[in-house]
């Protein structure tokens, strides 16, 4: 009986640190340094610009075309703002090319076609924007640089809009157009009338 009590007590003692460890916040809850934020934000922008340009060329679906145009334009603007802000903050550099991980994702997207391309594109866009939202929200709340904090705060609504649009992207080649990626309008006929996403 004494052995049983000792064993039970030991089990409880061992469980306490494990429980405490389980309550630790996720890694992204730790605010990234300014350089880490700038690096990851820039790579996100470069990836979105490149993937959007690929989608504009590889997909004939109007919804995908509109979404691709939106992310290229928005992320190019954000990249420009990031580079402008970095000029005023000492010790901060903005990457001009993708890291290995994101380059592999671009290569995968480039080599895919048809429904596989649509599935790959949608998956990358959804996951990428979820991660970007976490990054931007974390830095907006507790970032070290007020200038980049403001940039992060301004970027969150845009990223959330992109995520919402990405989640509705088609994964079938025969899927009909349901609306513009940058608009809440679901008037398919007006989009079919315009052969190009640009006016």
Protein backbone atom coordinates (compact mmCIF):
# COMPACT_ATOMS: atom_id res chain seq x y z
CA UNK A 1 0.00 0.00 0.00
CA UNK A 2 2.88 2.35 0.89
CA UNK A 3 4.53 1.55 -2.47
CA UNK A 4 1.30 2.39 -4.28
CA UNK A 5 1.02 5.77 -2.53
CA UNK A 6 4.65 6.58 -3.33
CA UNK A 7 4.16 5.64 -6.97
CA UNK A 8 1.02 7.73 -7.22
CA UNK A 9 2.79 10.69 -5.65
CA UNK A 10 5.68 10.35 -8.08
CA UNK A 11 3.25 10.26 -11.01
CA UNK A 12 1.61 13.50 -9.86
CA UNK A 13 4.99 15.16 -9.31
CA UNK A 14 6.11 14.22 -12.82
CA UNK A 15 2.83 15.37 -14.33
CA UNK A 16 3.09 18.90 -12.92
CA UNK A 17 6.01 20.13 -15.06
CA UNK A 18 4.54 18.41 -18.10
CA UNK A 19 1.26 20.24 -17.55
CA UNK A 20 3.06 23.54 -17.06
CA UNK A 21 5.03 22.92 -20.21
CA UNK A 22 1.82 22.20 -22.10
CA UNK A 23 0.51 25.61 -21.06
CA UNK A 24 3.39 27.46 -22.70
CA UNK A 25 2.19 29.87 -25.40
CA UNK A 26 2.94 28.97 -29.04
CA UNK A 27 6.25 30.12 -30.54
CA UNK A 28 4.62 32.96 -32.52
CA UNK A 29 3.31 34.53 -29.30
CA UNK A 30 6.92 35.55 -28.62
CA UNK A 31 7.34 38.85 -30.40
CA UNK A 32 9.92 38.58 -33.20
CA UNK A 33 12.83 41.00 -33.32
CA UNK A 34 12.53 43.86 -35.79
CA UNK A 35 15.03 42.25 -38.17
CA UNK A 36 13.19 38.90 -37.99
CA UNK A 37 9.88 40.60 -38.68
CA UNK A 38 11.29 42.55 -41.63
CA UNK A 39 12.97 39.44 -43.06
CA UNK A 40 9.86 37.26 -42.81
CA UNK A 41 7.53 40.01 -44.03
CA UNK A 42 9.75 40.70 -47.03
CA UNK A 43 10.00 37.02 -47.95
CA UNK A 44 6.22 36.77 -47.66
CA UNK A 45 5.84 39.70 -50.04
CA UNK A 46 8.35 38.33 -52.54
CA UNK A 47 6.69 34.92 -52.46
CA UNK A 48 3.18 36.35 -52.94
CA UNK A 49 4.30 38.55 -55.83
CA UNK A 50 6.00 35.62 -57.57
CA UNK A 51 3.20 33.12 -56.95
CA UNK A 52 0.60 35.65 -58.08
CA UNK A 53 2.48 36.28 -61.31
CA UNK A 54 2.64 32.53 -61.94
CA UNK A 55 -1.10 32.17 -61.28
CA UNK A 56 -1.91 35.00 -63.69
CA UNK A 57 -0.11 33.07 -66.44
CA UNK A 58 -1.15 29.51 -65.61
CA UNK A 59 -4.85 29.81 -64.75
CA UNK A 60 -7.71 30.85 -67.02
CA UNK A 61 -10.18 31.03 -64.13
CA UNK A 62 -11.31 34.62 -63.63
CA UNK A 63 -11.52 34.26 -59.85
CA UNK A 64 -7.93 33.03 -59.68
CA UNK A 65 -6.84 35.79 -62.07
CA UNK A 66 -8.46 38.49 -59.93
CA UNK A 67 -7.02 37.06 -56.73
CA UNK A 68 -3.55 36.81 -58.28
CA UNK A 69 -3.67 40.42 -59.45
CA UNK A 70 -4.78 41.55 -56.00
CA UNK A 71 -1.96 39.82 -54.12
CA UNK A 72 0.68 41.00 -56.61
CA UNK A 73 -0.44 44.63 -56.28
CA UNK A 74 -0.96 44.60 -52.50
CA UNK A 75 2.25 42.77 -51.62
CA UNK A 76 4.31 44.92 -53.99
CA UNK A 77 2.96 48.00 -52.24
CA UNK A 78 3.74 46.47 -48.84
CA UNK A 79 7.26 45.59 -49.97
CA UNK A 80 7.81 49.17 -51.09
CA UNK A 81 6.64 50.43 -47.69
CA UNK A 82 8.88 47.93 -45.92
CA UNK A 83 11.92 49.07 -47.88
CA UNK A 84 11.11 52.74 -47.26
CA UNK A 85 10.72 52.16 -43.52
CA UNK A 86 13.97 50.17 -43.32
CA UNK A 87 15.94 53.19 -44.58
CA UNK A 88 15.04 55.02 -41.37
CA UNK A 89 15.89 52.17 -38.97
CA UNK A 90 19.56 51.43 -38.41
CA UNK A 91 20.72 47.82 -38.68
CA UNK A 92 17.62 46.58 -40.54
CA UNK A 93 17.99 45.04 -43.99
CA UNK A 94 15.27 43.89 -46.36
CA UNK A 95 15.87 40.63 -48.27
CA UNK A 96 15.65 40.89 -52.05
CA UNK A 97 15.30 37.18 -52.80
CA UNK A 98 13.44 34.16 -51.46
CA UNK A 99 14.85 31.76 -48.92
CA UNK A 100 15.29 28.07 -49.80
CA UNK A 101 11.93 27.00 -48.34
CA UNK A 102 9.87 29.49 -50.32
CA UNK A 103 11.87 28.94 -53.50
CA UNK A 104 10.99 25.24 -53.32
CA UNK A 105 7.32 26.21 -52.97
CA UNK A 106 7.60 28.40 -56.06
CA UNK A 107 9.29 25.57 -57.97
CA UNK A 108 6.46 23.22 -56.96
CA UNK A 109 3.87 25.73 -58.11
CA UNK A 110 5.69 26.34 -61.37
CA UNK A 111 5.83 22.65 -62.24
CA UNK A 112 2.15 21.95 -61.45
CA UNK A 113 -0.69 22.27 -63.93
CA UNK A 114 -4.46 21.93 -64.15
CA UNK A 115 -6.29 20.92 -60.97
CA UNK A 116 -2.98 20.11 -59.23
CA UNK A 117 -1.84 23.68 -59.78
CA UNK A 118 -5.09 25.07 -58.35
CA UNK A 119 -4.88 22.83 -55.27
CA UNK A 120 -1.21 23.71 -54.69
CA UNK A 121 -1.83 27.42 -55.18
CA UNK A 122 -4.83 27.50 -52.84
CA UNK A 123 -3.06 25.50 -50.13
CA UNK A 124 0.04 27.69 -50.26
CA UNK A 125 -2.03 30.88 -50.17
CA UNK A 126 -4.18 29.81 -47.23
CA UNK A 127 -1.28 28.53 -45.13
CA UNK A 128 1.01 31.42 -46.07
CA UNK A 129 -1.52 34.09 -45.16
CA UNK A 130 -2.38 32.41 -41.85
CA UNK A 131 1.31 32.48 -40.90
CA UNK A 132 1.69 36.07 -42.11
CA UNK A 133 -1.30 37.20 -40.02
CA UNK A 134 0.26 35.65 -36.89
CA UNK A 135 3.58 37.36 -37.64
CA UNK A 136 2.04 40.77 -38.27
CA UNK A 137 -0.34 40.63 -35.29
CA UNK A 138 2.48 39.62 -32.96
CA UNK A 139 4.74 42.46 -34.05
CA UNK A 140 1.90 45.00 -34.16
CA UNK A 141 1.17 44.32 -30.49
CA UNK A 142 4.69 44.27 -29.02
CA UNK A 143 7.21 45.19 -31.71
CA UNK A 144 10.36 47.17 -30.88
CA UNK A 145 10.06 49.75 -33.67
CA UNK A 146 7.01 52.03 -33.70
CA UNK A 147 7.47 52.55 -37.43
CA UNK A 148 7.32 48.84 -38.23
CA UNK A 149 4.60 48.35 -35.62
CA UNK A 150 2.41 50.73 -37.60
CA UNK A 151 3.25 48.95 -40.83
CA UNK A 152 2.36 45.60 -39.26
CA UNK A 153 -0.90 46.95 -37.86
CA UNK A 154 -1.89 48.36 -41.25
CA UNK A 155 -1.02 45.08 -42.95
CA UNK A 156 -3.24 42.81 -40.84
CA UNK A 157 -6.62 43.76 -42.45
CA UNK A 158 -5.13 43.31 -45.93
CA UNK A 159 -3.75 39.88 -45.04
CA UNK A 160 -7.08 38.85 -43.52
CA UNK A 161 -8.87 39.92 -46.71
CA UNK A 162 -6.40 37.86 -48.75
CA UNK A 163 -6.92 34.82 -46.51
CA UNK A 164 -10.70 35.04 -46.86
CA UNK A 165 -10.37 35.25 -50.64
CA UNK A 166 -7.83 32.41 -50.73
CA UNK A 167 -10.14 30.10 -48.80
CA UNK A 168 -12.77 30.45 -51.55
CA UNK A 169 -10.39 29.76 -54.46
CA UNK A 170 -11.40 26.86 -56.72
CA UNK A 171 -9.49 23.57 -56.80
CA UNK A 172 -11.16 22.22 -59.94
CA UNK A 173 -10.37 23.27 -63.49
CA UNK A 174 -14.07 23.19 -64.36
CA UNK A 175 -15.07 25.31 -61.35
CA UNK A 176 -17.12 28.37 -62.34
CA UNK A 177 -16.06 31.86 -61.37
CA UNK A 178 -17.81 32.91 -58.16
CA UNK A 179 -16.48 36.44 -57.82
CA UNK A 180 -13.47 38.68 -57.80
CA UNK A 181 -10.78 37.94 -55.25
CA UNK A 182 -10.57 41.63 -54.36
CA UNK A 183 -14.30 42.25 -54.23
CA UNK A 184 -17.35 40.93 -52.43
CA UNK A 185 -19.36 41.14 -55.65
CA UNK A 186 -20.45 37.77 -56.99
CA UNK A 187 -21.61 38.91 -60.38
CA UNK A 188 -20.09 36.25 -62.61
CA UNK A 189 -21.56 37.66 -65.83
CA UNK A 190 -19.75 40.98 -65.54
CA UNK A 191 -16.46 39.17 -65.03
CA UNK A 192 -16.95 36.94 -68.04
CA UNK A 193 -17.67 40.02 -70.07
CA UNK A 194 -14.22 41.35 -69.25
CA UNK A 195 -11.64 39.09 -70.79
CA UNK A 196 -8.88 40.55 -68.62
CA UNK A 197 -8.72 41.27 -64.88
CA UNK A 198 -7.56 44.78 -65.75
CA UNK A 199 -9.93 47.35 -67.17
